[in-house]
């Protein structure tokens, strides 16, 4: 398993419109220079399990 993994969570005001919450998460990720290309939809626990 290579790389560094972080998880960022926020609360969405509405399940029907997660746009504002996603904007907050993207802003937090951009601060240390994490770009969209660096993101994955793979869960960290799945990566750990596959490495075993």
C-alpha atoms as a PDB file:
ATOM      1  CA  UNK A   1       0.000   0.000   0.000  1.00  0.00           C
ATOM      2  CA  UNK A   2       1.532   3.274  -1.119  1.00  0.00           C
ATOM      3  CA  UNK A   3       0.584   6.842  -0.394  1.00  0.00           C
ATOM      4  CA  UNK A   4      -0.945   8.939   2.288  1.00  0.00           C
ATOM      5  CA  UNK A   5      -4.614   8.699   3.120  1.00  0.00           C
ATOM      6  CA  UNK A   6      -6.865  11.204   4.827  1.00  0.00           C
ATOM      7  CA  UNK A   7     -10.599  11.353   5.280  1.00  0.00           C
ATOM      8  CA  UNK A   8     -12.584  14.575   5.434  1.00  0.00           C
ATOM      9  CA  UNK A   9     -16.187  14.701   6.549  1.00  0.00           C
ATOM     10  CA  UNK A  10     -18.745  17.464   6.767  1.00  0.00           C
ATOM     11  CA  UNK A  11     -22.458  17.741   7.397  1.00  0.00           C
ATOM     12  CA  UNK A  12     -24.773  18.360   4.453  1.00  0.00           C
ATOM     13  CA  UNK A  13     -27.732  20.595   5.193  1.00  0.00           C
ATOM     14  CA  UNK A  14     -29.827  18.629   2.707  1.00  0.00           C
ATOM     15  CA  UNK A  15     -29.508  15.125   1.277  1.00  0.00           C
ATOM     16  CA  UNK A  16     -31.048  16.445  -1.928  1.00  0.00           C
ATOM     17  CA  UNK A  17     -28.361  19.095  -2.449  1.00  0.00           C
ATOM     18  CA  UNK A  18     -24.897  18.097  -1.198  1.00  0.00           C
ATOM     19  CA  UNK A  19     -23.251  20.847  -3.282  1.00  0.00           C
ATOM     20  CA  UNK A  20     -22.515  23.207  -0.393  1.00  0.00           C
ATOM     21  CA  UNK A  21     -21.022  20.410   1.701  1.00  0.00           C
ATOM     22  CA  UNK A  22     -18.865  19.240  -1.208  1.00  0.00           C
ATOM     23  CA  UNK A  23     -17.676  22.798  -1.705  1.00  0.00           C
ATOM     24  CA  UNK A  24     -16.521  22.930   1.919  1.00  0.00           C
ATOM     25  CA  UNK A  25     -14.664  19.617   1.564  1.00  0.00           C
ATOM     26  CA  UNK A  26     -12.993  20.722  -1.677  1.00  0.00           C
ATOM     27  CA  UNK A  27     -11.903  23.954  -0.007  1.00  0.00           C
ATOM     28  CA  UNK A  28     -10.371  22.072   2.924  1.00  0.00           C
ATOM     29  CA  UNK A  29      -8.557  19.714   0.556  1.00  0.00           C
ATOM     30  CA  UNK A  30      -7.270  22.552  -1.645  1.00  0.00           C
ATOM     31  CA  UNK A  31      -5.657  24.302   1.311  1.00  0.00           C
ATOM     32  CA  UNK A  32      -2.751  21.805   1.589  1.00  0.00           C
ATOM     33  CA  UNK A  33      -2.635  21.387  -2.203  1.00  0.00           C
ATOM     34  CA  UNK A  34      -4.728  18.239  -2.658  1.00  0.00           C
ATOM     35  CA  UNK A  35      -6.135  18.318  -6.201  1.00  0.00           C
ATOM     36  CA  UNK A  36      -9.166  16.523  -7.664  1.00  0.00           C
ATOM     37  CA  UNK A  37      -6.765  14.199  -9.502  1.00  0.00           C
ATOM     38  CA  UNK A  38      -5.463  12.996  -6.117  1.00  0.00           C
ATOM     39  CA  UNK A  39      -8.885  11.826  -4.948  1.00  0.00           C
ATOM     40  CA  UNK A  40     -10.309   8.330  -5.064  1.00  0.00           C
ATOM     41  CA  UNK A  41     -13.646   6.713  -4.321  1.00  0.00           C
ATOM     42  CA  UNK A  42     -11.904   3.600  -2.983  1.00  0.00           C
ATOM     43  CA  UNK A  43     -12.436   3.146   0.741  1.00  0.00           C
ATOM     44  CA  UNK A  44      -9.320   3.099   2.909  1.00  0.00           C
ATOM     45  CA  UNK A  45     -10.461  -0.057   4.708  1.00  0.00           C
ATOM     46  CA  UNK A  46     -10.720  -1.855   1.342  1.00  0.00           C
ATOM     47  CA  UNK A  47      -7.150  -0.838   0.480  1.00  0.00           C
ATOM     48  CA  UNK A  48      -5.913  -2.137   3.829  1.00  0.00           C
ATOM     49  CA  UNK A  49      -7.815  -5.404   3.449  1.00  0.00           C
ATOM     50  CA  UNK A  50      -6.451  -5.934  -0.069  1.00  0.00           C
ATOM     51  CA  UNK A  51      -2.888  -5.384   1.167  1.00  0.00           C
ATOM     52  CA  UNK A  52      -3.155  -8.184   3.717  1.00  0.00           C
END
